[in-house]
Structure formats: structure tokens, C-alpha cells
Amino acid sequence: MSIKRYYHSELSKGSTLGGDGSAMVVLKSNLELPLFIFVVIVTTGIVSSSSSLSGLSSSGCAFHRRYGSSAACNRRFWISDDMFWKDGNPFRIIGGDVHYFRILPQYWRDRLLRAKALGLNTIQTYVPWNLHEPEPKRWVFEGIADIESYLKLAQELGFLVMLRPGPYICAEWDFGGFPAWLLAIEPPLKLRSSDKTFLAYVQRWWDVLLPKIAPLLYENGGPIIMVQIENEFGSYGYDKKYLHYLVALARKYLGNETILYTTDGGSRDTLDNGTIPEKGVFSAVDFSTGEDPWPIFQLQKEYNAPGKSPPLSAEFYTGWLTHWGEKIAETDANYTAAALEKILSRNGSVVLYMAHGGTNFGFYSGANTGQNESDYKADLTSYDYDAPIKESGDVGNPKYEALRRVIQKYSGVVLPRAPPDNKKLGYGLVDLRKIASFNEVLNDIYDSTMVVKSEHPMSMETVGQMFGFMLYASKLPPRKRSSILKILKVHDRAQVFVSCGLDKAGGHPIYIGVIERWSNRELLIPKISCSSNSSLLILVENLGRLNYGQYISDKKGILSNVFIDGTALHGWQMFPIPLDRFSNFTTVNPIKQISDLMTENISTGPGIYEGHVTINSAKQIKDTFISFRGWNKGIAFVNDFNIGRFWPSLGPQCTLYVPAPLLREGENIVVILELHAPNPDFTINLVKKPDFTCGTKSRRNDNYRE
């Protein structure tokens, strides 16, 4: 979604995920994907293949016979007379976004049935490249990434599907769906462009994805009626060559019968930049909820061929996103329903964004900026979105009921009864114990093969740490007085410590303070008495890559020199922190010797805490929420699954959603990394309801209790 709509919305408000690197990843584009190969791909794989497309797609029967069924011969979805047509009958899309990657697979059916009861006939979903190719050429299509099973389930339940495979998706998802390893390639790629090396990686991705999708096209017996090209490109730039390339690649695998479409904001400039009607691609629009839709639909006609412009709002906003440090976004149910009725009452088509938001599990939540890249706003773990189907699947709310009434009025069918809300259980207070300080954990995860040394700080991506945290260490020069620390560019949040040396004879590392991307303040480094040189330790957190805008190439870590009293420090060690192993730290001995890097426990600062929740019978396994009131900031794991970031000291999100499928009969283990100080009571509270009322501190002046 576009920043333009973000500002407009301010006026109208009324399996563990994540990952880490275990080796240095510096991809040399001139070695991995030679230009010669790229030229061959373009000339023979796409351009020359156009002559064979008609043979593939002139008949859905011809293609589908390859999959052993002739039932698809009578299936067709097309556009004429400014209407959608399905199997010879006019069809109106009443759809909604429900993203498979934000829902545990065990709950896919549950959420889709609730969408069905809302009155939807079509499901729209993005496909995040970074979920499916987390490392170069390592393809993941299992578990929460099993898109084929999700699409087949949608068809089983009677839905059609509008698929949005990017390669860029925005979606408030880390890096807009791009894999972070793209940022490690040298020379740097020009994303979302006709840059040849970038397109070669896109082709490699779609060469894997689209053959999985082709059998699921509507004309081949599947549910997919439309496939989107890119995502709101008109709000980003102008590069028709790039868009034409994507169309040619899509046609190579999907044939000529499937409707390709673009979605852009409903203004002339965005439609000029983002639409490609010259390639037979249908132009859909989106706009802020409450705007008069019909002048925009009239403008839409100018960007489609005559008779080929059924009015379609491909993103009708049922709510809005929220960043950390903001009040939770909410929109009035009746206001939203009235806006929907303006579209449906005149036979327009619509896709609710979102029908169900879900959760940004792990480290996959994205971020936005304002006027510059320092004006950084990280998205919440929750993607509830104030959608009619809530994060936990609840439908007993005014917005669901109001939208359902409008859809019932214009759909012409009797809607199924809405399923009851899933039961929740508040398991109550859980005692936690500190199992390790962060430096003690480093001793267990420390691996000399992972340490990278350099004269200057290196980005996380260059070192191979795609998510989470990285520790930077350097020796300080001899000092007779306090000093001023300045880091010109840190992405996104740095906790600074000073220690006597990097050996076992050193003393307690001293916590100095926090430097954040959006404030970038200087810190005073006090003079400490050491028998040898003191050392500077900087723990940097990646809070989520930008998912939209001109600064989207958002590398993480320390991205500039580090200055002490105006002099740059040299000689750095970078230690990637593989957080997928946090759930195995229950065996850490809290009194064992620590690593060569950090020698003794930090009395205030990062620590690992563990709690146990006992569930006596399978009947007691229900959805729940962990309340982190009283804690500061960190991440949490439940039975080895990363449920996301918590930050109640900033808010507004106080609780993290724990779906019942993550729990088990017997003992359940909660592991928490707290970056500052724990709740003084050393407890968390498992409650029945979500809470978005936390936060008393300004995002611009975070002073954390230590």
C-alpha cells in the first residue's frame, strides 16, 4: 500500500519464522548470473517463446489435458461489456484478502469459513518471495508456506482466487516480500526495475513459482481467475520495460487466457505510471475508504480497452495498519459499511483489504518512512488491521455484522451462518526465571566460523544475518576522560555497552544507552578504569525492513563509521546472533564461564527468561494471549515457535497472540529475550483478550527502565 494512502488514512480514521545467517553471504552478480546467460534467457525464454504461447493457451482444454482431466474444458473467466463473466454468466467479485502466510495452516479452513459466512466469493492473497526463498535457491513450500494446499482448500470451500505474486508485494511485510539476501549482492541491484541482474533473479523465482500455479488456474480446473503484475507500481516509479518483462514471463507459464491485472491508486499519475493496457493487462484501482468511488471507476475506464473495464476496487480498506508508538488504528463499522454499499449498489466489484489480517509472526513485520529514511516507523506484530475477522478469527463484532448485512443485500444468495468465535482461555500468571544473561547466551551460540572481522562495520546482510540481531565489537582508544559516541547511520536500534577488554580478566560490561534510527542521538561514554584497553560493544536490532517507498533498499546494522570524539574507530568484529536457537537455551548454566567476548553478567540489560505452562488435558488447549505489561521490549517463543516482537513500553500492543495449535497437552515452554529490564515480578499473564492500550513513552524519547 502506498504512503499517499497512509497520509490520507490519517484523515479518515473514525516451524519458527524469521531467520538468521550462519555464514557470510556476499553474492557477486557477475559470477553467479553471467550477463551472457541473462541475454540467452531473455531472447529464447521469453521473447522467442511468444510464438509458442498460443499453442499452450488457445484452449484451456489443451493445457488441462496434461493434468488428466477434461472437466476444465467448460471453464472460462473473462471480461467483456465492462463486466466479469464466469462460464457464460455475468459475475461480480465480492472478495477479501486473507493471507496464508499470516495464519497457521491448522487455521486456514477456520478463517476461510468465516470469510465465506461474510459473503465473500473470492480470496485474494499475496505471495511473499522471502518466505519461499529465504536463502538463494533454497525453496520452501511446506507448512505455513504451502501455498498450493491453501489454494486447493480455497477452491474446496467454493472460493475463486486472485493471486498477487509480486515480485514486490508491499503488504506491511519485511522488505515488501523481497528476500533480504538481494541486499548482499554486489554491485547493488536496482529493485523494481528493468535492471538485468534483478530481472534474472525474478525469473529464477517465477521459474519455480509459476509452474506450481499453472495447474490451479481457473481454465485448468483450479480456482485462480486473475494474477496481479507487481503491486501499485504507479506509486513508485515509471519503468514500462520492467512491467512488460513481468507480463511476458507470466504469459510464458500461465498462457493467454488468464486475466493479468495491475492495482494502482485512483489518480491519473499513478495510473499513467503503473498500468499496462497495451499488453492486455486489466487495470484495477484502489482508493481511500469514504472517497466517491464512481468518478475513480470512470477514470479507470481510460486505462482499459473499450468494454474491458468492470469497476473493481482491488483494495477496499476495512481498517488500517498501526506502527509501534501510535494509537491503534480503528475505523467505524457503519462508516465502512456505507462506503462498501456505494460500490455494491451500482454493481461494482470489490476486494476487502483486509477481510482477515492475521499475525506477522517471527521477524516478518515491515516498516514505513515519512519524508526521509530516518523517519522510520516499524509495524506491529499484530496485523489485526481492524478487519471484520479479527486476528484470532473472532467475528462477533460490529464491523463483521455491518459488512455482512451489506453483502447479503447485494449478493443475491443466502449466506451461511457465521461460525461462533473460537474459545479462548486465560491460563493466568506464569512465573519466569532468568536462565541466562545475553552475554552468557553468546558463549553457547558463539562459533568462530561465524565471526567476521573488518576495518569498518559491515551491514547485517553482508555478514549473512538477515533477521534479528548482530553484535559489533571494537577496542576503544586510551582515554583520560569521558568521550562522545556518534554513529551517523544505524538501522535500526543499537544498545551500547563498554567493557574492560575482550578477555576473561575483564570486568562487567557497562550499559551506556540506546541509539535509534529515528533519533540518532550522541551518547556520553564515561571513563572507566581498566588494566587494559576498554572495548565498545554495540548490539544492533533489525526492527523490520521498509516495505514501501524510495528507501526500500533498507540494509540493517551499522551502516557508517562509528566516531569517538570525532575520530572513527577501526578494527571491528561482527557476531551474528542465530535467534532460532533461543528456544534451546533452557540448559544454559547461569554460573558458567562466559565467552572471550564478554566476561561477566550484565546486571541490567538483555536477558533470557523461561516459563512453563502446564495444560492438563487436550480439551484445555485454546487460543490465548500473552500480556507483557511490565516488560520493556523483546521477542518471545512458544514451544520453539517465534510468535513475534513485544514492545509494551512503547505500545500500543501489549499482548501477543498464541494460537491453540502452538500449544500441547502437558508442559509448554515460553522463552523470552528481554532487551532491557524484566517485569519486577518476573511474570507474564496469559489472558483471553488482546490488549492494544500500552505505551506511555514517546517514540522520540525512549528512556527504558533498567
Foldseek 3Di string as FASTA:
>chain_A
DFVVVVVVVVVFFLLADDFWFQFFFAAELCPPPNPVNLVCCPVVVFPVCVVVQCVCAVFLQVPLVVVPDNPLRQWAWAFFQLFIDTSHHTDFFAAAEDELLQDWPVCLLVLLLLVQLLPGQAYEYEQQQCVQPLDVPRGDCDTSNVVLVSQQSCVVVRHAYEYEDAPAQLLLWFLSRDHLLLLSYPPHDDPPAVGSSNVVVVLVSCVPVLLSCQCQDSSSPHRYQEYEYHAQCLSAFAHVVSSVSSVSSNCSRNGDRRAYEYEHALDPSSLVRTADQVSVHQYAYAYAQPPQQPVSLVVSCVRHDVRGRHHEHAELELWAFDFFQDFGGHHDQQSSLVSVLSQLVVSGHYYYHHQAFHFQFHQTRAWAADPDPLRITTTDRARQRNHCQGRQRANPDSNSVSSSVSSVVRVPDDRDDRDHRFFFDWLWKWFKDFLAFPQLVCQVVPDVSLKDKFFFDDFSSSSGTRAWKKKKKAWDDDDPFKWKKFQPAAAAKKWKWKWQALAQVIDATHTFGMAGSNQRDITIGGDDDHPHTMMMMIMGHHNGAHSDHDCSSGIHGRDGFMDINRDGGTMMMMHIDGCLCQVVSNPRHHPDAGDSGGGDHHPWFKTKMKTKRAAADPVPQAKWKKFQPQAAWWWKDKQSYTQGIDGLQRFQWGITIDGSVSDDHGIIMMMIIGGGDGRPSNIIIIHGDTGGHGYDDHPNDDDDDD
